[in-house]
C-alpha atoms as a PDB file:
ATOM      1  CA  MET A   1      19.659  41.129 164.588  1.00  0.00           C
ATOM      2  CA  LYS A   2      21.943  38.305 163.853  1.00  0.00           C
ATOM      3  CA  ILE A   3      24.995  37.623 166.068  1.00  0.00           C
ATOM      4  CA  LYS A   4      28.282  35.839 165.139  1.00  0.00           C
ATOM      5  CA  ILE A   5      30.527  35.121 168.153  1.00  0.00           C
ATOM      6  CA  VAL A   6      34.339  34.574 167.521  1.00  0.00           C
ATOM      7  CA  ALA A   7      37.355  33.644 169.508  1.00  0.00           C
ATOM      8  CA  ASP A   8      38.938  37.119 170.032  1.00  0.00           C
ATOM      9  CA  GLU A   9      39.551  40.513 168.692  1.00  0.00           C
ATOM     10  CA  GLY A  10      41.715  39.662 165.740  1.00  0.00           C
ATOM     11  CA  SER A  11      39.062  37.008 164.562  1.00  0.00           C
ATOM     12  CA  ALA A  12      36.363  39.557 165.018  1.00  0.00           C
ATOM     13  CA  ALA A  13      38.234  42.164 162.785  1.00  0.00           C
ATOM     14  CA  SER A  14      38.707  39.376 160.220  1.00  0.00           C
ATOM     15  CA  GLU A  15      35.152  38.228 160.048  1.00  0.00           C
ATOM     16  CA  ALA A  16      33.932  41.919 159.733  1.00  0.00           C
ATOM     17  CA  ALA A  17      36.258  42.558 156.807  1.00  0.00           C
ATOM     18  CA  LYS A  18      34.977  39.490 155.059  1.00  0.00           C
ATOM     19  CA  LEU A  19      31.372  40.488 155.642  1.00  0.00           C
ATOM     20  CA  ILE A  20      32.109  44.141 154.357  1.00  0.00           C
ATOM     21  CA  ALA A  21      33.942  42.588 151.286  1.00  0.00           C
ATOM     22  CA  GLY A  22      30.773  40.565 150.353  1.00  0.00           C
ATOM     23  CA  GLU A  23      28.433  43.424 150.732  1.00  0.00           C
ATOM     24  CA  ALA A  24      30.680  45.513 148.641  1.00  0.00           C
ATOM     25  CA  ARG A  25      30.897  42.994 145.712  1.00  0.00           C
ATOM     26  CA  ALA A  26      26.942  42.650 145.981  1.00  0.00           C
ATOM     27  CA  ALA A  27      26.391  46.318 146.088  1.00  0.00           C
ATOM     28  CA  VAL A  28      28.707  46.933 142.915  1.00  0.00           C
ATOM     29  CA  ARG A  29      26.785  44.164 141.086  1.00  0.00           C
ATOM     30  CA  ASP A  30      23.409  45.510 142.119  1.00  0.00           C
ATOM     31  CA  HIS A  31      23.867  49.254 141.512  1.00  0.00           C
ATOM     32  CA  GLY A  32      27.468  50.063 140.635  1.00  0.00           C
ATOM     33  CA  SER A  33      28.784  51.424 143.695  1.00  0.00           C
ATOM     34  CA  PHE A  34      29.502  50.614 147.448  1.00  0.00           C
ATOM     35  CA  VAL A  35      29.278  53.283 150.097  1.00  0.00           C
ATOM     36  CA  MET A  36      30.272  52.522 153.663  1.00  0.00           C
ATOM     37  CA  ALA A  37      30.520  54.524 156.728  1.00  0.00           C
ATOM     38  CA  VAL A  38      33.183  53.619 159.321  1.00  0.00           C
ATOM     39  CA  SER A  39      33.637  54.458 163.002  1.00  0.00           C
ATOM     40  CA  GLY A  40      36.858  54.663 164.802  1.00  0.00           C
ATOM     41  CA  GLY A  41      38.607  52.377 167.369  1.00  0.00           C
ATOM     42  CA  ARG A  42      41.444  49.782 167.772  1.00  0.00           C
ATOM     43  CA  THR A  43      39.541  46.824 166.384  1.00  0.00           C
ATOM     44  CA  PRO A  44      38.058  48.659 163.354  1.00  0.00           C
ATOM     45  CA  TRP A  45      41.428  49.665 162.271  1.00  0.00           C
ATOM     46  CA  ARG A  46      42.488  46.026 162.274  1.00  0.00           C
ATOM     47  CA  MET A  47      39.273  45.378 160.345  1.00  0.00           C
ATOM     48  CA  LEU A  48      40.216  47.942 157.547  1.00  0.00           C
ATOM     49  CA  ARG A  49      43.751  46.563 157.335  1.00  0.00           C
ATOM     50  CA  ASP A  50      42.257  43.100 156.640  1.00  0.00           C
ATOM     51  CA  LEU A  51      39.742  44.611 154.213  1.00  0.00           C
ATOM     52  CA  ALA A  52      42.602  46.130 152.208  1.00  0.00           C
ATOM     53  CA  LEU A  53      43.810  42.684 151.440  1.00  0.00           C
ATOM     54  CA  GLU A  54      40.543  41.687 149.803  1.00  0.00           C
ATOM     55  CA  ASP A  55      39.955  41.698 146.078  1.00  0.00           C
ATOM     56  CA  LEU A  56      37.414  44.433 145.524  1.00  0.00           C
ATOM     57  CA  PRO A  57      36.383  46.699 142.812  1.00  0.00           C
ATOM     58  CA  TRP A  58      37.957  49.755 144.570  1.00  0.00           C
ATOM     59  CA  ASN A  59      37.205  52.191 142.002  1.00  0.00           C
ATOM     60  CA  ALA A  60      33.498  51.759 142.990  1.00  0.00           C
ATOM     61  CA  VAL A  61      34.083  51.975 146.759  1.00  0.00           C
ATOM     62  CA  HIS A  62      33.462  55.287 148.712  1.00  0.00           C
ATOM     63  CA  VAL A  63      34.295  55.594 152.433  1.00  0.00           C
ATOM     64  CA  VAL A  64      32.665  58.173 154.633  1.00  0.00           C
ATOM     65  CA  GLN A  65      32.933  58.887 158.376  1.00  0.00           C
ATOM     66  CA  VAL A  66      30.455  57.904 161.080  1.00  0.00           C
ATOM     67  CA  ASP A  67      31.859  60.507 163.262  1.00  0.00           C
ATOM     68  CA  GLU A  68      34.873  62.641 164.044  1.00  0.00           C
ATOM     69  CA  ARG A  69      36.218  64.644 166.840  1.00  0.00           C
ATOM     70  CA  ILE A  70      36.547  68.388 166.320  1.00  0.00           C
ATOM     71  CA  ALA A  71      40.325  68.691 166.170  1.00  0.00           C
ATOM     72  CA  PRO A  72      43.043  70.119 164.019  1.00  0.00           C
ATOM     73  CA  ALA A  73      44.432  68.268 160.941  1.00  0.00           C
ATOM     74  CA  GLY A  74      46.907  65.625 162.290  1.00  0.00           C
ATOM     75  CA  ASP A  75      45.689  65.695 165.751  1.00  0.00           C
ATOM     76  CA  PRO A  76      46.095  62.056 167.182  1.00  0.00           C
ATOM     77  CA  ASP A  77      42.430  62.284 168.356  1.00  0.00           C
ATOM     78  CA  ARG A  78      41.265  62.336 164.773  1.00  0.00           C
ATOM     79  CA  ASN A  79      39.935  59.091 163.228  1.00  0.00           C
ATOM     80  CA  LEU A  80      40.952  60.262 159.812  1.00  0.00           C
ATOM     81  CA  ALA A  81      44.665  59.579 160.201  1.00  0.00           C
ATOM     82  CA  HIS A  82      44.052  56.075 161.205  1.00  0.00           C
ATOM     83  CA  LEU A  83      41.479  55.565 158.499  1.00  0.00           C
ATOM     84  CA  CYS A  84      44.018  56.591 155.910  1.00  0.00           C
ATOM     85  CA  GLU A  85      46.819  54.689 157.574  1.00  0.00           C
ATOM     86  CA  SER A  86      44.586  51.408 157.706  1.00  0.00           C
ATOM     87  CA  LEU A  87      43.013  51.507 154.359  1.00  0.00           C
ATOM     88  CA  LEU A  88      44.147  54.243 151.894  1.00  0.00           C
ATOM     89  CA  GLU A  89      47.944  53.342 152.457  1.00  0.00           C
ATOM     90  CA  ARG A  90      47.178  49.718 151.837  1.00  0.00           C
ATOM     91  CA  ALA A  91      44.336  49.419 149.287  1.00  0.00           C
ATOM     92  CA  PRO A  92      44.055  50.643 145.741  1.00  0.00           C
ATOM     93  CA  LEU A  93      41.362  52.979 146.845  1.00  0.00           C
ATOM     94  CA  PRO A  94      41.328  56.250 144.972  1.00  0.00           C
ATOM     95  CA  PRO A  95      42.194  59.025 147.673  1.00  0.00           C
ATOM     96  CA  GLU A  96      39.395  61.201 146.563  1.00  0.00           C
ATOM     97  CA  GLN A  97      36.842  58.399 147.589  1.00  0.00           C
ATOM     98  CA  ILE A  98      37.584  58.903 151.199  1.00  0.00           C
ATOM     99  CA  HIS A  99      35.287  61.621 152.142  1.00  0.00           C
ATOM    100  CA  SER A 100      36.395  63.203 155.448  1.00  0.00           C
ATOM    101  CA  MET A 101      34.276  65.120 157.704  1.00  0.00           C
ATOM    102  CA  PRO A 102      35.154  68.913 157.589  1.00  0.00           C
ATOM    103  CA  VAL A 103      35.734  69.447 161.242  1.00  0.00           C
ATOM    104  CA  GLU A 104      38.388  71.984 160.677  1.00  0.00           C
ATOM    105  CA  SER A 105      35.928  74.462 159.384  1.00  0.00           C
ATOM    106  CA  SER A 106      35.398  77.914 161.156  1.00  0.00           C
ATOM    107  CA  ASP A 107      31.620  77.345 160.740  1.00  0.00           C
ATOM    108  CA  LEU A 108      30.796  73.955 162.081  1.00  0.00           C
ATOM    109  CA  GLN A 109      27.087  74.198 161.423  1.00  0.00           C
ATOM    110  CA  ALA A 110      27.613  74.917 157.751  1.00  0.00           C
ATOM    111  CA  ALA A 111      30.215  72.106 157.746  1.00  0.00           C
ATOM    112  CA  CYS A 112      27.557  69.662 158.789  1.00  0.00           C
ATOM    113  CA  ALA A 113      25.369  70.737 155.871  1.00  0.00           C
ATOM    114  CA  GLN A 114      28.388  70.505 153.591  1.00  0.00           C
ATOM    115  CA  TYR A 115      28.940  66.914 154.540  1.00  0.00           C
ATOM    116  CA  ALA A 116      25.340  65.967 154.223  1.00  0.00           C
ATOM    117  CA  HIS A 117      25.544  67.409 150.787  1.00  0.00           C
ATOM    118  CA  THR A 118      28.477  65.280 150.046  1.00  0.00           C
ATOM    119  CA  LEU A 119      26.513  62.160 151.107  1.00  0.00           C
ATOM    120  CA  GLU A 120      23.775  63.184 148.698  1.00  0.00           C
ATOM    121  CA  MET A 121      26.224  63.278 145.899  1.00  0.00           C
ATOM    122  CA  ILE A 122      27.535  59.878 146.425  1.00  0.00           C
ATOM    123  CA  ALA A 123      24.623  57.985 147.927  1.00  0.00           C
ATOM    124  CA  GLY A 124      21.429  59.648 146.738  1.00  0.00           C
ATOM    125  CA  SER A 125      18.853  61.980 147.983  1.00  0.00           C
ATOM    126  CA  PRO A 126      18.059  61.241 150.670  1.00  0.00           C
ATOM    127  CA  PRO A 127      21.338  59.239 150.879  1.00  0.00           C
ATOM    128  CA  VAL A 128      21.166  55.594 151.636  1.00  0.00           C
ATOM    129  CA  LEU A 129      24.559  53.972 152.705  1.00  0.00           C
ATOM    130  CA  ASP A 130      25.149  50.435 151.819  1.00  0.00           C
ATOM    131  CA  LEU A 131      26.726  49.703 155.073  1.00  0.00           C
ATOM    132  CA  VAL A 132      27.414  51.562 158.394  1.00  0.00           C
ATOM    133  CA  HIS A 133      30.011  49.941 160.738  1.00  0.00           C
ATOM    134  CA  LEU A 134      29.234  51.061 164.336  1.00  0.00           C
ATOM    135  CA  GLY A 135      31.071  50.428 167.520  1.00  0.00           C
ATOM    136  CA  LEU A 136      29.433  50.256 170.992  1.00  0.00           C
ATOM    137  CA  GLY A 137      30.744  52.253 174.117  1.00  0.00           C
ATOM    138  CA  PRO A 138      30.538  50.820 177.616  1.00  0.00           C
ATOM    139  CA  ASP A 139      27.875  53.649 178.312  1.00  0.00           C
ATOM    140  CA  GLY A 140      25.636  52.623 175.357  1.00  0.00           C
ATOM    141  CA  HIS A 141      26.904  55.387 172.921  1.00  0.00           C
ATOM    142  CA  THR A 142      27.430  54.558 169.257  1.00  0.00           C
ATOM    143  CA  ALA A 143      28.690  56.760 166.583  1.00  0.00           C
ATOM    144  CA  SER A 144      28.827  59.965 168.643  1.00  0.00           C
ATOM    145  CA  LEU A 145      25.222  59.613 169.756  1.00  0.00           C
ATOM    146  CA  ILE A 146      25.859  60.035 173.453  1.00  0.00           C
ATOM    147  CA  PRO A 147      23.626  59.522 176.421  1.00  0.00           C
ATOM    148  CA  GLY A 148      21.921  62.683 177.269  1.00  0.00           C
ATOM    149  CA  ASP A 149      23.146  64.792 174.419  1.00  0.00           C
ATOM    150  CA  PRO A 150      20.584  66.705 172.424  1.00  0.00           C
ATOM    151  CA  VAL A 151      21.995  65.239 169.365  1.00  0.00           C
ATOM    152  CA  ASP A 152      20.182  62.006 170.131  1.00  0.00           C
ATOM    153  CA  ASN A 153      16.872  63.882 169.390  1.00  0.00           C
ATOM    154  CA  VAL A 154      18.021  65.216 166.038  1.00  0.00           C
ATOM    155  CA  LYS A 155      15.353  63.887 163.371  1.00  0.00           C
ATOM    156  CA  ASP A 156      15.572  66.506 160.492  1.00  0.00           C
ATOM    157  CA  VAL A 157      19.175  66.397 159.378  1.00  0.00           C
ATOM    158  CA  ASP A 158      21.648  63.490 158.571  1.00  0.00           C
ATOM    159  CA  VAL A 159      24.819  65.254 160.128  1.00  0.00           C
ATOM    160  CA  ALA A 160      25.005  67.119 163.545  1.00  0.00           C
ATOM    161  CA  LEU A 161      27.308  68.276 166.203  1.00  0.00           C
ATOM    162  CA  THR A 162      27.439  67.079 169.714  1.00  0.00           C
ATOM    163  CA  GLY A 163      28.166  68.864 173.032  1.00  0.00           C
ATOM    164  CA  ILE A 164      31.560  68.201 174.648  1.00  0.00           C
ATOM    165  CA  TYR A 165      32.263  64.445 175.389  1.00  0.00           C
ATOM    166  CA  GLN A 166      35.601  63.284 176.759  1.00  0.00           C
ATOM    167  CA  ALA A 167      37.005  66.827 176.080  1.00  0.00           C
ATOM    168  CA  ARG A 168      35.911  67.130 172.556  1.00  0.00           C
ATOM    169  CA  ARG A 169      32.991  68.121 170.608  1.00  0.00           C
ATOM    170  CA  ARG A 170      32.222  65.782 167.674  1.00  0.00           C
ATOM    171  CA  MET A 171      30.522  65.694 164.280  1.00  0.00           C
ATOM    172  CA  THR A 172      28.319  62.651 163.850  1.00  0.00           C
ATOM    173  CA  LEU A 173      25.842  60.962 161.494  1.00  0.00           C
ATOM    174  CA  THR A 174      22.369  60.857 163.220  1.00  0.00           C
ATOM    175  CA  TYR A 175      19.728  58.245 163.470  1.00  0.00           C
ATOM    176  CA  PRO A 176      17.810  59.221 160.336  1.00  0.00           C
ATOM    177  CA  ILE A 177      20.632  58.288 157.914  1.00  0.00           C
ATOM    178  CA  LEU A 178      21.794  55.284 160.167  1.00  0.00           C
ATOM    179  CA  ASN A 179      18.419  53.801 159.877  1.00  0.00           C
ATOM    180  CA  ARG A 180      18.115  54.315 156.216  1.00  0.00           C
ATOM    181  CA  SER A 181      21.195  52.251 155.620  1.00  0.00           C
ATOM    182  CA  ARG A 182      21.035  48.810 153.884  1.00  0.00           C
ATOM    183  CA  ARG A 183      23.244  47.048 156.488  1.00  0.00           C
ATOM    184  CA  ILE A 184      24.366  47.869 160.042  1.00  0.00           C
ATOM    185  CA  LEU A 185      27.549  46.138 161.177  1.00  0.00           C
ATOM    186  CA  TRP A 186      28.303  46.029 164.841  1.00  0.00           C
ATOM    187  CA  LEU A 187      31.878  45.121 165.799  1.00  0.00           C
ATOM    188  CA  VAL A 188      32.025  44.749 169.628  1.00  0.00           C
ATOM    189  CA  THR A 189      35.007  43.275 171.430  1.00  0.00           C
ATOM    190  CA  GLY A 190      36.220  43.232 174.998  1.00  0.00           C
ATOM    191  CA  SER A 191      34.919  42.154 178.371  1.00  0.00           C
ATOM    192  CA  GLU A 192      34.138  45.854 179.160  1.00  0.00           C
ATOM    193  CA  LYS A 193      31.427  45.677 176.577  1.00  0.00           C
ATOM    194  CA  ALA A 194      29.732  42.592 177.881  1.00  0.00           C
ATOM    195  CA  GLU A 195      26.915  44.155 179.854  1.00  0.00           C
ATOM    196  CA  ILE A 196      26.122  46.801 177.172  1.00  0.00           C
ATOM    197  CA  LEU A 197      26.162  44.303 174.333  1.00  0.00           C
ATOM    198  CA  ALA A 198      23.327  42.213 176.148  1.00  0.00           C
ATOM    199  CA  ARG A 199      21.363  45.435 176.489  1.00  0.00           C
ATOM    200  CA  LEU A 200      21.959  46.138 172.539  1.00  0.00           C
ATOM    201  CA  LEU A 201      20.618  42.717 171.775  1.00  0.00           C
ATOM    202  CA  ALA A 202      17.654  43.391 173.975  1.00  0.00           C
ATOM    203  CA  GLU A 203      16.910  46.500 171.939  1.00  0.00           C
ATOM    204  CA  ASP A 204      17.094  48.635 175.128  1.00  0.00           C
ATOM    205  CA  PRO A 205      15.772  52.047 173.937  1.00  0.00           C
ATOM    206  CA  SER A 206      17.323  53.739 176.978  1.00  0.00           C
ATOM    207  CA  ILE A 207      20.859  53.549 175.406  1.00  0.00           C
ATOM    208  CA  PRO A 208      21.556  55.434 172.288  1.00  0.00           C
ATOM    209  CA  ALA A 209      22.742  52.113 170.431  1.00  0.00           C
ATOM    210  CA  GLY A 210      19.484  50.532 171.215  1.00  0.00           C
ATOM    211  CA  ARG A 211      17.559  52.986 168.950  1.00  0.00           C
ATOM    212  CA  VAL A 212      19.435  51.884 165.797  1.00  0.00           C
ATOM    213  CA  ARG A 213      17.289  49.664 163.498  1.00  0.00           C
ATOM    214  CA  THR A 214      17.972  45.877 164.054  1.00  0.00           C
ATOM    215  CA  ASP A 215      16.329  44.233 161.015  1.00  0.00           C
ATOM    216  CA  HIS A 216      19.289  44.576 158.873  1.00  0.00           C
ATOM    217  CA  ALA A 217      21.873  44.604 161.643  1.00  0.00           C
ATOM    218  CA  VAL A 218      24.777  41.999 162.105  1.00  0.00           C
ATOM    219  CA  VAL A 219      26.730  41.774 165.352  1.00  0.00           C
ATOM    220  CA  ILE A 220      30.285  40.426 165.356  1.00  0.00           C
ATOM    221  CA  ALA A 221      31.530  39.921 168.832  1.00  0.00           C
ATOM    222  CA  ASP A 222      34.440  38.120 170.546  1.00  0.00           C
ATOM    223  CA  ARG A 223      33.851  35.712 173.434  1.00  0.00           C
ATOM    224  CA  ALA A 224      34.958  38.313 176.045  1.00  0.00           C
ATOM    225  CA  ALA A 225      32.114  40.757 174.818  1.00  0.00           C
ATOM    226  CA  ALA A 226      29.535  37.882 174.554  1.00  0.00           C
ATOM    227  CA  SER A 227      30.376  36.518 177.929  1.00  0.00           C
ATOM    228  CA  ARG A 228      26.915  37.709 179.581  1.00  0.00           C
ATOM    229  CA  LEU A 229      24.687  36.566 176.878  1.00  0.00           C
ATOM    230  CA  GLY A 230      22.097  33.909 177.604  1.00  0.00           C
ATOM    231  CA  LYS A 231      22.763  30.389 176.538  1.00  0.00           C
ATOM    232  CA  ASP A 232      19.456  30.408 174.826  1.00  0.00           C
ATOM    233  CA  LEU A 233      20.512  33.130 172.375  1.00  0.00           C
ATOM    234  CA  LYS A 234      20.622  32.129 168.740  1.00  0.00           C
ATOM    235  CA  ALA A 235      24.037  32.932 167.694  1.00  0.00           C
ATOM    236  CA  GLU A 236      26.472  31.589 165.159  1.00  0.00           C
ATOM    237  CA  VAL A 237      29.601  30.544 167.016  1.00  0.00           C
ATOM    238  CA  ALA A 238      32.833  30.159 165.227  1.00  0.00           C
END
Protein backbone atom coordinates (compact mmCIF):
# COMPACT_ATOMS: atom_id res chain seq x y z
CA MET A 1 0.00 0.00 0.00
CA LYS A 2 1.39 3.37 -1.02
CA ILE A 3 0.70 6.53 0.95
CA LYS A 4 1.02 10.20 0.06
CA ILE A 5 0.75 12.81 2.78
CA VAL A 6 -0.33 16.33 1.86
CA ALA A 7 -0.89 19.52 3.79
CA ASP A 8 -4.65 19.69 4.21
CA GLU A 9 -8.09 18.55 3.07
CA GLY A 10 -8.10 20.68 -0.07
CA SER A 11 -4.72 19.36 -1.14
CA ALA A 12 -5.89 15.79 -0.52
CA ALA A 13 -8.96 16.32 -2.70
CA SER A 14 -6.83 17.81 -5.47
CA GLU A 15 -4.26 15.01 -5.38
CA ALA A 16 -7.01 12.38 -5.44
CA ALA A 17 -8.62 14.03 -8.47
CA LYS A 18 -5.29 14.01 -10.32
CA LEU A 19 -4.78 10.34 -9.53
CA ILE A 20 -8.27 9.45 -10.77
CA ALA A 21 -7.74 11.43 -13.96
CA GLY A 22 -4.52 9.57 -14.68
CA GLU A 23 -6.17 6.21 -14.02
CA ALA A 24 -9.09 7.18 -16.28
CA ARG A 25 -6.89 8.10 -19.22
CA ALA A 26 -4.86 4.91 -18.84
CA ALA A 27 -7.96 2.70 -18.60
CA VAL A 28 -9.55 4.22 -21.70
CA ARG A 29 -6.33 3.73 -23.65
CA ASP A 30 -6.08 0.14 -22.41
CA HIS A 31 -9.63 -1.17 -22.74
CA GLY A 32 -11.85 1.65 -23.96
CA SER A 33 -13.68 2.66 -20.77
CA PHE A 34 -13.21 3.71 -17.16
CA VAL A 35 -15.57 2.57 -14.42
CA MET A 36 -15.09 4.10 -10.99
CA ALA A 37 -17.02 3.67 -7.76
CA VAL A 38 -17.25 6.62 -5.40
CA SER A 39 -18.10 6.96 -1.72
CA GLY A 40 -19.74 9.92 -0.02
CA GLY A 41 -18.34 12.61 2.23
CA ARG A 42 -17.27 16.25 2.30
CA THR A 43 -13.73 15.73 1.02
CA PRO A 44 -14.85 13.38 -1.79
CA TRP A 45 -17.28 16.00 -3.07
CA ARG A 46 -14.35 18.43 -3.27
CA MET A 47 -12.38 15.71 -5.06
CA LEU A 48 -15.14 15.30 -7.65
CA ARG A 49 -15.40 19.04 -8.21
CA ASP A 50 -11.67 19.07 -8.94
CA LEU A 51 -12.05 16.02 -11.19
CA ALA A 52 -14.73 17.83 -13.20
CA LEU A 53 -12.07 20.33 -14.29
CA GLU A 54 -9.87 17.60 -15.80
CA ASP A 55 -9.69 17.03 -19.55
CA LEU A 56 -10.98 13.45 -19.69
CA PRO A 57 -12.65 11.23 -22.30
CA TRP A 58 -15.93 11.71 -20.42
CA ASN A 59 -17.98 9.71 -22.93
CA ALA A 60 -16.04 6.63 -21.83
CA VAL A 61 -16.41 7.25 -18.07
CA HIS A 62 -18.98 5.44 -15.91
CA VAL A 63 -19.57 6.31 -12.25
CA VAL A 64 -21.16 3.89 -9.79
CA GLN A 65 -21.86 4.16 -6.10
CA VAL A 66 -19.91 2.39 -3.39
CA ASP A 67 -22.86 2.71 -1.02
CA GLU A 68 -26.08 4.61 -0.45
CA ARG A 69 -28.52 5.17 2.39
CA ILE A 70 -32.01 3.74 2.08
CA ALA A 71 -33.86 7.03 1.83
CA PRO A 72 -36.33 8.74 -0.53
CA ALA A 73 -35.25 10.67 -3.59
CA GLY A 74 -34.00 14.12 -2.68
CA ASP A 75 -33.37 13.23 0.96
CA PRO A 76 -30.32 15.14 2.25
CA ASP A 77 -28.87 11.87 3.57
CA ARG A 78 -28.53 10.53 0.03
CA ASN A 79 -25.08 10.52 -1.58
CA LEU A 80 -26.58 10.75 -5.06
CA ALA A 81 -27.60 14.42 -4.85
CA HIS A 82 -24.07 15.44 -3.82
CA LEU A 83 -22.57 13.23 -6.52
CA CYS A 84 -24.66 14.89 -9.21
CA GLU A 85 -23.98 18.39 -7.89
CA SER A 86 -20.23 17.82 -7.60
CA LEU A 87 -19.65 16.04 -10.92
CA LEU A 88 -22.64 15.78 -13.25
CA GLU A 89 -23.45 19.48 -13.12
CA ARG A 90 -19.81 20.47 -13.68
CA ALA A 91 -18.39 17.95 -16.18
CA PRO A 92 -19.55 16.84 -19.64
CA LEU A 93 -20.37 13.38 -18.31
CA PRO A 94 -23.43 11.82 -19.98
CA PRO A 95 -26.14 11.66 -17.26
CA GLU A 96 -26.95 8.05 -18.06
CA GLN A 97 -23.36 7.13 -17.15
CA ILE A 98 -23.93 7.86 -13.48
CA HIS A 99 -25.46 4.63 -12.22
CA SER A 100 -27.33 5.20 -8.97
CA MET A 101 -28.16 2.49 -6.48
CA PRO A 102 -31.91 1.71 -6.63
CA VAL A 103 -32.55 2.34 -2.95
CA GLU A 104 -36.10 3.59 -3.52
CA SER A 105 -37.25 0.13 -4.58
CA SER A 106 -40.02 -1.61 -2.64
CA ASP A 107 -38.00 -4.85 -2.89
CA LEU A 108 -34.51 -4.02 -1.70
CA GLN A 109 -33.13 -7.54 -2.07
CA ALA A 110 -34.17 -7.56 -5.71
CA ALA A 111 -32.71 -4.06 -6.04
CA CYS A 112 -29.31 -5.36 -4.90
CA ALA A 113 -29.43 -8.02 -7.62
CA GLN A 114 -30.51 -5.38 -10.13
CA TYR A 115 -27.52 -3.19 -9.28
CA ALA A 116 -25.17 -6.15 -9.48
CA HIS A 117 -26.53 -6.78 -12.99
CA THR A 118 -25.91 -3.12 -13.90
CA LEU A 119 -22.30 -3.53 -12.78
CA GLU A 120 -21.94 -6.61 -14.98
CA MET A 121 -23.29 -4.71 -17.97
CA ILE A 122 -20.68 -1.96 -17.69
CA ALA A 123 -17.71 -3.77 -16.08
CA GLY A 124 -17.89 -7.39 -17.21
CA SER A 125 -18.89 -10.65 -15.55
CA PRO A 126 -17.77 -10.77 -12.85
CA PRO A 127 -17.48 -6.99 -12.83
CA VAL A 128 -13.99 -5.54 -12.41
CA LEU A 129 -14.02 -1.86 -11.46
CA ASP A 130 -11.11 0.26 -12.65
CA LEU A 131 -11.00 2.33 -9.46
CA VAL A 132 -12.83 2.28 -6.15
CA HIS A 133 -12.65 5.36 -3.97
CA LEU A 134 -13.06 4.56 -0.28
CA GLY A 135 -13.33 6.60 2.87
CA LEU A 136 -12.42 5.54 6.39
CA GLY A 137 -14.69 5.96 9.40
CA PRO A 138 -13.30 6.54 12.91
CA ASP A 139 -14.80 3.14 13.83
CA GLY A 140 -12.92 1.43 11.00
CA HIS A 141 -15.84 1.09 8.60
CA THR A 142 -15.45 1.65 4.89
CA ALA A 143 -18.13 1.70 2.20
CA SER A 144 -21.04 0.56 4.42
CA LEU A 145 -19.08 -2.39 5.73
CA ILE A 146 -19.75 -1.72 9.38
CA PRO A 147 -18.14 -3.35 12.44
CA GLY A 148 -20.27 -6.26 13.59
CA ASP A 149 -22.77 -6.13 10.72
CA PRO A 150 -23.52 -9.44 8.93
CA VAL A 151 -22.77 -7.69 5.61
CA ASP A 152 -19.07 -8.02 6.48
CA ASN A 153 -19.33 -11.76 5.94
CA VAL A 154 -21.03 -11.65 2.53
CA LYS A 155 -18.90 -13.51 0.00
CA ASP A 156 -21.32 -14.63 -2.72
CA VAL A 157 -22.78 -11.36 -4.04
CA ASP A 158 -21.31 -7.99 -5.03
CA VAL A 159 -24.11 -5.80 -3.62
CA ALA A 160 -25.87 -6.28 -0.28
CA LEU A 161 -27.92 -4.58 2.43
CA THR A 162 -26.76 -3.61 5.90
CA GLY A 163 -28.60 -3.41 9.17
CA ILE A 164 -29.42 -0.04 10.66
CA TYR A 165 -26.36 2.18 11.14
CA GLN A 166 -26.69 5.80 12.23
CA ALA A 167 -30.49 5.53 11.80
CA ARG A 168 -30.37 4.21 8.21
CA ARG A 169 -30.04 0.90 6.43
CA ARG A 170 -27.68 1.05 3.48
CA MET A 171 -26.94 -0.66 0.20
CA THR A 172 -23.24 -1.35 -0.28
CA LEU A 173 -20.66 -2.97 -2.47
CA THR A 174 -19.16 -5.98 -0.72
CA TYR A 175 -15.62 -7.30 -0.32
CA PRO A 176 -15.68 -9.56 -3.42
CA ILE A 177 -16.12 -6.68 -5.87
CA LEU A 178 -13.95 -4.27 -3.90
CA ASN A 179 -11.11 -6.78 -3.89
CA ARG A 180 -11.41 -7.47 -7.63
CA SER A 181 -10.90 -3.82 -8.50
CA ARG A 182 -7.81 -2.66 -10.36
CA ARG A 183 -7.12 0.25 -8.03
CA ILE A 184 -8.23 1.22 -4.50
CA LEU A 185 -7.99 4.89 -3.59
CA TRP A 186 -8.29 5.76 0.09
CA LEU A 187 -8.93 9.44 0.83
CA VAL A 188 -8.46 10.13 4.54
CA THR A 189 -8.54 13.55 6.18
CA GLY A 190 -8.93 14.96 9.68
CA SER A 191 -7.34 14.31 13.07
CA GLU A 192 -10.26 12.09 14.14
CA LYS A 193 -9.02 9.55 11.56
CA ALA A 194 -5.43 9.44 12.86
CA GLU A 195 -5.67 6.33 15.04
CA ILE A 196 -7.76 4.33 12.57
CA LEU A 197 -5.51 5.26 9.63
CA ALA A 198 -2.56 3.76 11.49
CA ARG A 199 -4.58 0.56 11.92
CA LEU A 200 -5.50 0.54 8.23
CA LEU A 201 -1.86 0.81 7.23
CA ALA A 202 -1.05 -2.02 9.64
CA GLU A 203 -3.65 -4.10 7.75
CA ASP A 204 -5.57 -4.72 10.98
CA PRO A 205 -8.17 -7.38 10.07
CA SER A 206 -10.28 -6.58 13.14
CA ILE A 207 -11.63 -3.47 11.39
CA PRO A 208 -13.67 -3.74 8.18
CA ALA A 209 -11.30 -1.43 6.30
CA GLY A 210 -8.39 -3.72 7.13
CA ARG A 211 -9.92 -6.50 5.04
CA VAL A 212 -9.69 -4.60 1.75
CA ARG A 213 -6.84 -5.67 -0.53
CA THR A 214 -3.67 -3.60 -0.24
CA ASP A 215 -1.53 -4.58 -3.23
CA HIS A 216 -3.17 -2.07 -5.60
CA ALA A 217 -4.08 0.50 -2.95
CA VAL A 218 -3.05 4.15 -2.63
CA VAL A 219 -3.75 6.28 0.44
CA ILE A 220 -3.91 10.06 0.16
CA ALA A 221 -4.03 11.60 3.63
CA ASP A 222 -3.64 15.05 5.07
CA ARG A 223 -1.17 15.78 7.84
CA ALA A 224 -3.85 15.74 10.51
CA ALA A 225 -4.92 12.20 9.60
CA ALA A 226 -1.29 11.09 9.33
CA SER A 227 -0.26 12.57 12.69
CA ARG A 228 0.06 9.19 14.45
CA LEU A 229 2.01 7.39 11.77
CA GLY A 230 5.52 6.22 12.62
CA LYS A 231 8.50 8.19 11.38
CA ASP A 232 9.85 5.06 9.70
CA LEU A 233 6.81 4.82 7.40
CA LYS A 234 7.78 5.01 3.76
CA ALA A 235 5.49 7.76 2.54
CA GLU A 236 5.62 10.40 -0.13
CA VAL A 237 5.22 13.78 1.52
CA ALA A 238 4.08 16.77 -0.49
